[in-house]
């Protein structure tokens, strides 16, 4: 009988410890999140040549749109001269009106 009581007592202790361990990550996560602010989402741009997404502040603007590198901007401008000419003309028209 005393062995049965000892087994029940040990099972109860392990059950209580298990419940405390299961709750502790939730409490720790909530406490950590209160002190730190999440970073603001960044605006993204798409390279017109290869289609890769990158932060807008890292993108290189060109007459064909935004690009991930100088080589891609030059390649796009060389392979799409009509698009570049049309956008350059539109940009010049916009500046004249301002």
PDB file of N, CA and C in Angstrom:
ATOM      1  N   UNK A   1       0.815  -1.188   0.000  1.00  0.00           N
ATOM      2  CA  UNK A   1       0.000   0.000   0.000  1.00  0.00           C
ATOM      3  C   UNK A   1       0.865   1.260   0.000  1.00  0.00           C
ATOM      4  N   UNK A   2       1.962   1.259   0.764  1.00  0.00           N
ATOM      5  CA  UNK A   2       2.808   2.445   0.807  1.00  0.00           C
ATOM      6  C   UNK A   2       3.537   2.660  -0.516  1.00  0.00           C
ATOM      7  N   UNK A   3       3.803   1.570  -1.266  1.00  0.00           N
ATOM      8  CA  UNK A   3       4.431   1.710  -2.580  1.00  0.00           C
ATOM      9  C   UNK A   3       3.457   2.347  -3.571  1.00  0.00           C
ATOM     10  N   UNK A   4       2.207   1.986  -3.486  1.00  0.00           N
ATOM     11  CA  UNK A   4       1.189   2.567  -4.346  1.00  0.00           C
ATOM     12  C   UNK A   4       1.037   4.061  -4.055  1.00  0.00           C
ATOM     13  N   UNK A   5       1.045   4.439  -2.777  1.00  0.00           N
ATOM     14  CA  UNK A   5       0.972   5.841  -2.387  1.00  0.00           C
ATOM     15  C   UNK A   5       2.195   6.608  -2.892  1.00  0.00           C
ATOM     16  N   UNK A   6       3.389   5.998  -2.807  1.00  0.00           N
ATOM     17  CA  UNK A   6       4.619   6.621  -3.286  1.00  0.00           C
ATOM     18  C   UNK A   6       4.573   6.826  -4.803  1.00  0.00           C
ATOM     19  N   UNK A   7       4.054   5.837  -5.532  1.00  0.00           N
ATOM     20  CA  UNK A   7       3.950   5.944  -6.991  1.00  0.00           C
ATOM     21  C   UNK A   7       2.970   7.060  -7.376  1.00  0.00           C
ATOM     22  N   UNK A   8       1.836   7.137  -6.683  1.00  0.00           N
ATOM     23  CA  UNK A   8       0.850   8.172  -6.969  1.00  0.00           C
ATOM     24  C   UNK A   8       1.427   9.552  -6.662  1.00  0.00           C
ATOM     25  N   UNK A   9       2.154   9.666  -5.558  1.00  0.00           N
ATOM     26  CA  UNK A   9       2.770  10.934  -5.181  1.00  0.00           C
ATOM     27  C   UNK A   9       3.812  11.375  -6.222  1.00  0.00           C
ATOM     28  N   UNK A  10       4.654  10.455  -6.685  1.00  0.00           N
ATOM     29  CA  UNK A  10       5.662  10.764  -7.714  1.00  0.00           C
ATOM     30  C   UNK A  10       4.993  11.152  -9.037  1.00  0.00           C
ATOM     31  N   UNK A  11       3.932  10.459  -9.391  1.00  0.00           N
ATOM     32  CA  UNK A  11       3.209  10.788 -10.620  1.00  0.00           C
ATOM     33  C   UNK A  11       2.619  12.189 -10.527  1.00  0.00           C
ATOM     34  N   UNK A  12       2.100  12.553  -9.382  1.00  0.00           N
ATOM     35  CA  UNK A  12       1.542  13.886  -9.180  1.00  0.00           C
ATOM     36  C   UNK A  12       2.617  14.965  -9.293  1.00  0.00           C
ATOM     37  N   UNK A  13       3.791  14.705  -8.719  1.00  0.00           N
ATOM     38  CA  UNK A  13       4.902  15.666  -8.794  1.00  0.00           C
ATOM     39  C   UNK A  13       5.344  15.848 -10.246  1.00  0.00           C
ATOM     40  N   UNK A  14       5.492  14.742 -10.986  1.00  0.00           N
ATOM     41  CA  UNK A  14       5.909  14.845 -12.388  1.00  0.00           C
ATOM     42  C   UNK A  14       4.839  15.533 -13.233  1.00  0.00           C
ATOM     43  N   UNK A  15       3.589  15.309 -12.913  1.00  0.00           N
ATOM     44  CA  UNK A  15       2.504  15.968 -13.641  1.00  0.00           C
ATOM     45  C   UNK A  15       2.545  17.475 -13.417  1.00  0.00           C
ATOM     46  N   UNK A  16       2.734  17.906 -12.191  1.00  0.00           N
ATOM     47  CA  UNK A  16       2.802  19.334 -11.876  1.00  0.00           C
ATOM     48  C   UNK A  16       4.004  19.984 -12.552  1.00  0.00           C
ATOM     49  N   UNK A  17       5.162  19.316 -12.517  1.00  0.00           N
ATOM     50  CA  UNK A  17       6.347  19.858 -13.186  1.00  0.00           C
ATOM     51  C   UNK A  17       6.140  19.939 -14.697  1.00  0.00           C
ATOM     52  N   UNK A  18       5.486  18.967 -15.263  1.00  0.00           N
ATOM     53  CA  UNK A  18       5.208  18.971 -16.703  1.00  0.00           C
ATOM     54  C   UNK A  18       4.300  20.118 -17.099  1.00  0.00           C
ATOM     55  N   UNK A  19       3.296  20.413 -16.285  1.00  0.00           N
ATOM     56  CA  UNK A  19       2.386  21.514 -16.566  1.00  0.00           C
ATOM     57  C   UNK A  19       3.133  22.843 -16.491  1.00  0.00           C
ATOM     58  N   UNK A  20       4.016  22.995 -15.512  1.00  0.00           N
ATOM     59  CA  UNK A  20       4.789  24.236 -15.389  1.00  0.00           C
ATOM     60  C   UNK A  20       5.715  24.421 -16.582  1.00  0.00           C
ATOM     61  N   UNK A  21       6.339  23.353 -17.035  1.00  0.00           N
ATOM     62  CA  UNK A  21       7.241  23.447 -18.189  1.00  0.00           C
ATOM     63  C   UNK A  21       6.465  23.781 -19.460  1.00  0.00           C
ATOM     64  N   UNK A  22       5.272  23.244 -19.593  1.00  0.00           N
ATOM     65  CA  UNK A  22       4.473  23.511 -20.792  1.00  0.00           C
ATOM     66  C   UNK A  22       4.007  24.960 -20.836  1.00  0.00           C
ATOM     67  N   UNK A  23       3.763  25.569 -19.705  1.00  0.00           N
ATOM     68  CA  UNK A  23       3.293  26.956 -19.673  1.00  0.00           C
ATOM     69  C   UNK A  23       4.443  27.959 -19.754  1.00  0.00           C
ATOM     70  N   UNK A  24       5.622  27.613 -19.350  1.00  0.00           N
ATOM     71  CA  UNK A  24       6.717  28.576 -19.273  1.00  0.00           C
ATOM     72  C   UNK A  24       7.123  29.163 -20.631  1.00  0.00           C
ATOM     73  N   UNK A  25       7.181  28.430 -21.760  1.00  0.00           N
ATOM     74  CA  UNK A  25       7.539  29.082 -23.028  1.00  0.00           C
ATOM     75  C   UNK A  25       6.525  30.136 -23.454  1.00  0.00           C
ATOM     76  N   UNK A  26       5.258  29.929 -23.159  1.00  0.00           N
ATOM     77  CA  UNK A  26       4.257  30.936 -23.520  1.00  0.00           C
ATOM     78  C   UNK A  26       4.476  32.213 -22.730  1.00  0.00           C
ATOM     79  N   UNK A  27       4.742  32.073 -21.458  1.00  0.00           N
ATOM     80  CA  UNK A  27       4.964  33.248 -20.624  1.00  0.00           C
ATOM     81  C   UNK A  27       6.248  33.962 -21.010  1.00  0.00           C
ATOM     82  N   UNK A  28       7.290  33.195 -21.293  1.00  0.00           N
ATOM     83  CA  UNK A  28       8.558  33.822 -21.682  1.00  0.00           C
ATOM     84  C   UNK A  28       8.417  34.545 -23.010  1.00  0.00           C
ATOM     85  N   UNK A  29       7.699  33.958 -23.958  1.00  0.00           N
ATOM     86  CA  UNK A  29       7.508  34.593 -25.261  1.00  0.00           C
ATOM     87  C   UNK A  29       6.720  35.873 -25.153  1.00  0.00           C
ATOM     88  N   UNK A  30       5.737  35.904 -24.280  1.00  0.00           N
ATOM     89  CA  UNK A  30       4.950  37.121 -24.121  1.00  0.00           C
ATOM     90  C   UNK A  30       5.773  38.207 -23.469  1.00  0.00           C
ATOM     91  N   UNK A  31       6.600  37.860 -22.512  1.00  0.00           N
ATOM     92  CA  UNK A  31       7.434  38.859 -21.849  1.00  0.00           C
ATOM     93  C   UNK A  31       8.493  39.413 -22.792  1.00  0.00           C
ATOM     94  N   UNK A  32       9.052  38.568 -23.647  1.00  0.00           N
ATOM     95  CA  UNK A  32      10.073  39.032 -24.581  1.00  0.00           C
ATOM     96  C   UNK A  32       9.474  39.983 -25.606  1.00  0.00           C
ATOM     97  N   UNK A  33       8.277  39.683 -26.072  1.00  0.00           N
ATOM     98  CA  UNK A  33       7.646  40.495 -27.106  1.00  0.00           C
ATOM     99  C   UNK A  33       7.243  41.874 -26.620  1.00  0.00           C
ATOM    100  N   UNK A  34       7.030  42.042 -25.328  1.00  0.00           N
ATOM    101  CA  UNK A  34       6.592  43.330 -24.827  1.00  0.00           C
ATOM    102  C   UNK A  34       7.714  44.355 -24.845  1.00  0.00           C
ATOM    103  N   UNK A  35       8.947  43.926 -24.657  1.00  0.00           N
ATOM    104  CA  UNK A  35      10.065  44.856 -24.581  1.00  0.00           C
ATOM    105  C   UNK A  35      10.596  45.292 -25.933  1.00  0.00           C
ATOM    106  N   UNK A  36      10.398  44.490 -26.973  1.00  0.00           N
ATOM    107  CA  UNK A  36      10.987  44.784 -28.277  1.00  0.00           C
ATOM    108  C   UNK A  36       9.899  45.133 -29.288  1.00  0.00           C
ATOM    109  N   UNK A  37      10.160  46.151 -30.049  1.00  0.00           N
ATOM    110  CA  UNK A  37       9.232  46.529 -31.115  1.00  0.00           C
ATOM    111  C   UNK A  37       9.649  45.809 -32.395  1.00  0.00           C
ATOM    112  N   UNK A  38       8.673  45.350 -33.150  1.00  0.00           N
ATOM    113  CA  UNK A  38       8.984  44.675 -34.406  1.00  0.00           C
ATOM    114  C   UNK A  38       9.418  45.712 -35.439  1.00  0.00           C
ATOM    115  N   UNK A  39      10.374  45.352 -36.297  1.00  0.00           N
ATOM    116  CA  UNK A  39      10.797  46.317 -37.321  1.00  0.00           C
ATOM    117  C   UNK A  39       9.670  46.558 -38.326  1.00  0.00           C
ATOM    118  N   UNK A  40       9.650  47.754 -38.859  1.00  0.00           N
ATOM    119  CA  UNK A  40       8.628  48.110 -39.839  1.00  0.00           C
ATOM    120  C   UNK A  40       8.882  47.351 -41.137  1.00  0.00           C
ATOM    121  N   UNK A  41       7.833  46.952 -41.838  1.00  0.00           N
ATOM    122  CA  UNK A  41       8.044  46.248 -43.108  1.00  0.00           C
ATOM    123  C   UNK A  41       8.683  47.177 -44.135  1.00  0.00           C
ATOM    124  N   UNK A  42       9.515  46.577 -44.987  1.00  0.00           N
ATOM    125  CA  UNK A  42      10.197  47.368 -46.007  1.00  0.00           C
ATOM    126  C   UNK A  42       9.413  47.346 -47.310  1.00  0.00           C
ATOM    127  N   UNK A  43       9.465  48.439 -48.050  1.00  0.00           N
ATOM    128  CA  UNK A  43       8.869  48.476 -49.378  1.00  0.00           C
ATOM    129  C   UNK A  43       9.790  47.734 -50.324  1.00  0.00           C
ATOM    130  N   UNK A  44       9.215  46.931 -51.200  1.00  0.00           N
ATOM    131  CA  UNK A  44      10.001  46.091 -52.088  1.00  0.00           C
ATOM    132  C   UNK A  44       9.885  46.579 -53.530  1.00  0.00           C
ATOM    133  N   UNK A  45      10.914  46.268 -54.313  1.00  0.00           N
ATOM    134  CA  UNK A  45      10.936  46.569 -55.743  1.00  0.00           C
ATOM    135  C   UNK A  45      11.276  45.284 -56.484  1.00  0.00           C
ATOM    136  N   UNK A  46      10.962  45.247 -57.763  1.00  0.00           N
ATOM    137  CA  UNK A  46      11.244  44.079 -58.597  1.00  0.00           C
ATOM    138  C   UNK A  46      12.200  44.509 -59.695  1.00  0.00           C
ATOM    139  N   UNK A  47      13.279  43.748 -59.865  1.00  0.00           N
ATOM    140  CA  UNK A  47      14.225  44.028 -60.944  1.00  0.00           C
ATOM    141  C   UNK A  47      13.516  43.757 -62.271  1.00  0.00           C
ATOM    142  N   UNK A  48      13.531  44.736 -63.167  1.00  0.00           N
ATOM    143  CA  UNK A  48      12.860  44.598 -64.458  1.00  0.00           C
ATOM    144  C   UNK A  48      13.557  43.591 -65.368  1.00  0.00           C
ATOM    145  N   UNK A  49      14.817  43.318 -65.111  1.00  0.00           N
ATOM    146  CA  UNK A  49      15.568  42.408 -65.970  1.00  0.00           C
ATOM    147  C   UNK A  49      15.410  40.949 -65.535  1.00  0.00           C
ATOM    148  N   UNK A  50      15.638  40.658 -64.243  1.00  0.00           N
ATOM    149  CA  UNK A  50      15.627  39.263 -63.794  1.00  0.00           C
ATOM    150  C   UNK A  50      14.430  38.903 -62.913  1.00  0.00           C
ATOM    151  N   UNK A  51      13.694  39.891 -62.401  1.00  0.00           N
ATOM    152  CA  UNK A  51      12.504  39.623 -61.616  1.00  0.00           C
ATOM    153  C   UNK A  51      12.738  39.382 -60.138  1.00  0.00           C
ATOM    154  N   UNK A  52      13.961  39.571 -59.673  1.00  0.00           N
ATOM    155  CA  UNK A  52      14.241  39.351 -58.248  1.00  0.00           C
ATOM    156  C   UNK A  52      13.637  40.491 -57.428  1.00  0.00           C
ATOM    157  N   UNK A  53      13.105  40.157 -56.238  1.00  0.00           N
ATOM    158  CA  UNK A  53      12.557  41.165 -55.330  1.00  0.00           C
ATOM    159  C   UNK A  53      13.657  41.621 -54.381  1.00  0.00           C
ATOM    160  N   UNK A  54      13.737  42.939 -54.170  1.00  0.00           N
ATOM    161  CA  UNK A  54      14.738  43.489 -53.271  1.00  0.00           C
ATOM    162  C   UNK A  54      14.162  44.726 -52.609  1.00  0.00           C
ATOM    163  N   UNK A  55      14.737  45.129 -51.458  1.00  0.00           N
ATOM    164  CA  UNK A  55      14.240  46.341 -50.811  1.00  0.00           C
ATOM    165  C   UNK A  55      14.369  47.550 -51.741  1.00  0.00           C
ATOM    166  N   UNK A  56      13.353  48.402 -51.734  1.00  0.00           N
ATOM    167  CA  UNK A  56      13.333  49.548 -52.641  1.00  0.00           C
ATOM    168  C   UNK A  56      14.543  50.460 -52.426  1.00  0.00           C
ATOM    169  N   UNK A  57      15.018  50.561 -51.190  1.00  0.00           N
ATOM    170  CA  UNK A  57      16.160  51.432 -50.922  1.00  0.00           C
ATOM    171  C   UNK A  57      17.459  50.877 -51.512  1.00  0.00           C
ATOM    172  N   UNK A  58      17.519  49.577 -51.803  1.00  0.00           N
ATOM    173  CA  UNK A  58      18.702  48.980 -52.423  1.00  0.00           C
ATOM    174  C   UNK A  58      18.608  48.926 -53.948  1.00  0.00           C
ATOM    175  N   UNK A  59      17.440  49.193 -54.505  1.00  0.00           N
ATOM    176  CA  UNK A  59      17.246  49.096 -55.951  1.00  0.00           C
ATOM    177  C   UNK A  59      17.877  50.288 -56.665  1.00  0.00           C
ATOM    178  N   UNK A  60      18.348  50.030 -57.872  1.00  0.00           N
ATOM    179  CA  UNK A  60      18.917  51.089 -58.710  1.00  0.00           C
ATOM    180  C   UNK A  60      17.842  51.558 -59.690  1.00  0.00           C
ATOM    181  N   UNK A  61      17.438  52.811 -59.622  1.00  0.00           N
ATOM    182  CA  UNK A  61      16.424  53.293 -60.574  1.00  0.00           C
ATOM    183  C   UNK A  61      17.042  53.509 -61.948  1.00  0.00           C
ATOM    184  N   UNK A  62      16.254  53.278 -62.943  1.00  0.00           N
ATOM    185  CA  UNK A  62      16.696  53.503 -64.319  1.00  0.00           C
ATOM    186  C   UNK A  62      15.503  53.910 -65.154  1.00  0.00           C
ATOM    187  N   UNK A  63      15.716  54.146 -66.435  1.00  0.00           N
ATOM    188  CA  UNK A  63      14.619  54.542 -67.301  1.00  0.00           C
ATOM    189  C   UNK A  63      13.657  53.392 -67.561  1.00  0.00           C
ATOM    190  N   UNK A  64      14.115  52.165 -67.349  1.00  0.00           N
ATOM    191  CA  UNK A  64      13.252  51.007 -67.560  1.00  0.00           C
ATOM    192  C   UNK A  64      12.549  50.548 -66.307  1.00  0.00           C
ATOM    193  N   UNK A  65      12.840  51.145 -65.168  1.00  0.00           N
ATOM    194  CA  UNK A  65      12.239  50.728 -63.903  1.00  0.00           C
ATOM    195  C   UNK A  65      13.309  50.593 -62.836  1.00  0.00           C
ATOM    196  N   UNK A  66      13.116  49.667 -61.918  1.00  0.00           N
ATOM    197  CA  UNK A  66      14.086  49.409 -60.855  1.00  0.00           C
ATOM    198  C   UNK A  66      14.904  48.159 -61.196  1.00  0.00           C
ATOM    199  N   UNK A  67      16.173  48.172 -60.775  1.00  0.00           N
ATOM    200  CA  UNK A  67      17.073  47.067 -61.106  1.00  0.00           C
ATOM    201  C   UNK A  67      17.884  46.665 -59.885  1.00  0.00           C
ATOM    202  N   UNK A  68      18.338  45.393 -59.878  1.00  0.00           N
ATOM    203  CA  UNK A  68      19.107  44.893 -58.735  1.00  0.00           C
ATOM    204  C   UNK A  68      20.596  45.209 -58.870  1.00  0.00           C
ATOM    205  N   UNK A  69      21.071  45.487 -60.078  1.00  0.00           N
ATOM    206  CA  UNK A  69      22.487  45.811 -60.264  1.00  0.00           C
ATOM    207  C   UNK A  69      22.654  46.702 -61.489  1.00  0.00           C
ATOM    208  N   UNK A  70      23.831  47.303 -61.575  1.00  0.00           N
ATOM    209  CA  UNK A  70      24.131  48.166 -62.710  1.00  0.00           C
ATOM    210  C   UNK A  70      24.184  47.356 -64.008  1.00  0.00           C
ATOM    211  N   UNK A  71      24.692  46.130 -63.923  1.00  0.00           N
ATOM    212  CA  UNK A  71      24.770  45.282 -65.112  1.00  0.00           C
ATOM    213  C   UNK A  71      23.376  44.962 -65.648  1.00  0.00           C
ATOM    214  N   UNK A  72      22.420  44.704 -64.769  1.00  0.00           N
ATOM    215  CA  UNK A  72      21.063  44.406 -65.221  1.00  0.00           C
ATOM    216  C   UNK A  72      20.389  45.651 -65.790  1.00  0.00           C
ATOM    217  N   UNK A  73      20.688  46.819 -65.232  1.00  0.00           N
ATOM    218  CA  UNK A  73      20.114  48.051 -65.781  1.00  0.00           C
ATOM    219  C   UNK A  73      20.641  48.289 -67.194  1.00  0.00           C
ATOM    220  N   UNK A  74      21.949  48.109 -67.379  1.00  0.00           N
ATOM    221  CA  UNK A  74      22.537  48.303 -68.715  1.00  0.00           C
ATOM    222  C   UNK A  74      22.014  47.264 -69.699  1.00  0.00           C
ATOM    223  N   UNK A  75      21.891  46.006 -69.256  1.00  0.00           N
ATOM    224  CA  UNK A  75      21.398  44.956 -70.144  1.00  0.00           C
ATOM    225  C   UNK A  75      19.961  45.233 -70.579  1.00  0.00           C
ATOM    226  N   UNK A  76      19.131  45.675 -69.640  1.00  0.00           N
ATOM    227  CA  UNK A  76      17.738  45.998 -69.990  1.00  0.00           C
ATOM    228  C   UNK A  76      17.685  47.173 -70.949  1.00  0.00           C
ATOM    229  N   UNK A  77      18.437  48.218 -70.676  1.00  0.00           N
ATOM    230  CA  UNK A  77      18.412  49.397 -71.535  1.00  0.00           C
ATOM    231  C   UNK A  77      18.942  49.083 -72.930  1.00  0.00           C
ATOM    232  N   UNK A  78      19.914  48.172 -73.041  1.00  0.00           N
ATOM    233  CA  UNK A  78      20.430  47.783 -74.358  1.00  0.00           C
ATOM    234  C   UNK A  78      19.446  46.889 -75.111  1.00  0.00           C
ATOM    235  N   UNK A  79      18.707  46.048 -74.406  1.00  0.00           N
ATOM    236  CA  UNK A  79      17.797  45.121 -75.083  1.00  0.00           C
ATOM    237  C   UNK A  79      16.399  45.699 -75.313  1.00  0.00           C
ATOM    238  N   UNK A  80      16.058  46.810 -74.672  1.00  0.00           N
ATOM    239  CA  UNK A  80      14.749  47.439 -74.829  1.00  0.00           C
ATOM    240  C   UNK A  80      14.910  48.941 -75.125  1.00  0.00           C
ATOM    241  N   UNK A  81      15.499  49.299 -76.261  1.00  0.00           N
ATOM    242  CA  UNK A  81      15.753  50.722 -76.529  1.00  0.00           C
ATOM    243  C   UNK A  81      14.464  51.536 -76.719  1.00  0.00           C
ATOM    244  N   UNK A  82      13.401  50.935 -77.243  1.00  0.00           N
ATOM    245  CA  UNK A  82      12.162  51.682 -77.450  1.00  0.00           C
ATOM    246  C   UNK A  82      11.491  52.030 -76.120  1.00  0.00           C
ATOM    247  N   UNK A  83      11.516  51.108 -75.181  1.00  0.00           N
ATOM    248  CA  UNK A  83      10.929  51.355 -73.859  1.00  0.00           C
ATOM    249  C   UNK A  83      11.702  52.456 -73.152  1.00  0.00           C
ATOM    250  N   UNK A  84      13.021  52.387 -73.237  1.00  0.00           N
ATOM    251  CA  UNK A  84      13.867  53.388 -72.582  1.00  0.00           C
ATOM    252  C   UNK A  84      13.648  54.756 -73.215  1.00  0.00           C
ATOM    253  N   UNK A  85      13.565  54.805 -74.547  1.00  0.00           N
ATOM    254  CA  UNK A  85      13.354  56.086 -75.229  1.00  0.00           C
ATOM    255  C   UNK A  85      11.995  56.674 -74.865  1.00  0.00           C
ATOM    256  N   UNK A  86      10.972  55.844 -74.812  1.00  0.00           N
ATOM    257  CA  UNK A  86       9.630  56.336 -74.475  1.00  0.00           C
ATOM    258  C   UNK A  86       9.586  56.856 -73.040  1.00  0.00           C
ATOM    259  N   UNK A  87      10.204  56.139 -72.133  1.00  0.00           N
ATOM    260  CA  UNK A  87      10.199  56.586 -70.737  1.00  0.00           C
ATOM    261  C   UNK A  87      11.058  57.838 -70.556  1.00  0.00           C
ATOM    262  N   UNK A  88      12.157  57.941 -71.297  1.00  0.00           N
ATOM    263  CA  UNK A  88      12.989  59.142 -71.215  1.00  0.00           C
ATOM    264  C   UNK A  88      12.224  60.353 -71.734  1.00  0.00           C
ATOM    265  N   UNK A  89      11.471  60.145 -72.801  1.00  0.00           N
ATOM    266  CA  UNK A  89      10.671  61.237 -73.355  1.00  0.00           C
ATOM    267  C   UNK A  89       9.567  61.642 -72.376  1.00  0.00           C
ATOM    268  N   UNK A  90       8.928  60.680 -71.755  1.00  0.00           N
ATOM    269  CA  UNK A  90       7.879  60.978 -70.769  1.00  0.00           C
ATOM    270  C   UNK A  90       8.461  61.707 -69.564  1.00  0.00           C
ATOM    271  N   UNK A  91       9.649  61.318 -69.136  1.00  0.00           N
ATOM    272  CA  UNK A  91      10.313  61.978 -68.004  1.00  0.00           C
ATOM    273  C   UNK A  91      10.676  63.421 -68.363  1.00  0.00           C
ATOM    274  N   UNK A  92      11.163  63.620 -69.577  1.00  0.00           N
ATOM    275  CA  UNK A  92      11.500  64.981 -70.017  1.00  0.00           C
ATOM    276  C   UNK A  92      10.238  65.844 -70.098  1.00  0.00           C
ATOM    277  N   UNK A  93       9.148  65.275 -70.572  1.00  0.00           N
ATOM    278  CA  UNK A  93       7.875  66.002 -70.654  1.00  0.00           C
ATOM    279  C   UNK A  93       7.369  66.379 -69.259  1.00  0.00           C
ATOM    280  N   UNK A  94       7.509  65.468 -68.337  1.00  0.00           N
ATOM    281  CA  UNK A  94       7.083  65.720 -66.959  1.00  0.00           C
ATOM    282  C   UNK A  94       7.904  66.841 -66.326  1.00  0.00           C
ATOM    283  N   UNK A  95       9.205  66.873 -66.609  1.00  0.00           N
ATOM    284  CA  UNK A  95      10.076  67.923 -66.062  1.00  0.00           C
ATOM    285  C   UNK A  95       9.759  69.276 -66.676  1.00  0.00           C
ATOM    286  N   UNK A  96       9.396  69.281 -67.954  1.00  0.00           N
ATOM    287  CA  UNK A  96       9.070  70.548 -68.595  1.00  0.00           C
ATOM    288  C   UNK A  96       7.797  71.168 -67.999  1.00  0.00           C
ATOM    289  N   UNK A  97       6.846  70.305 -67.654  1.00  0.00           N
ATOM    290  CA  UNK A  97       5.587  70.783 -67.082  1.00  0.00           C
ATOM    291  C   UNK A  97       5.745  71.288 -65.651  1.00  0.00           C
ATOM    292  N   UNK A  98       6.747  70.814 -64.959  1.00  0.00           N
ATOM    293  CA  UNK A  98       6.942  71.222 -63.540  1.00  0.00           C
ATOM    294  C   UNK A  98       7.493  72.596 -63.388  1.00  0.00           C
TER     295      UNK A  98
END
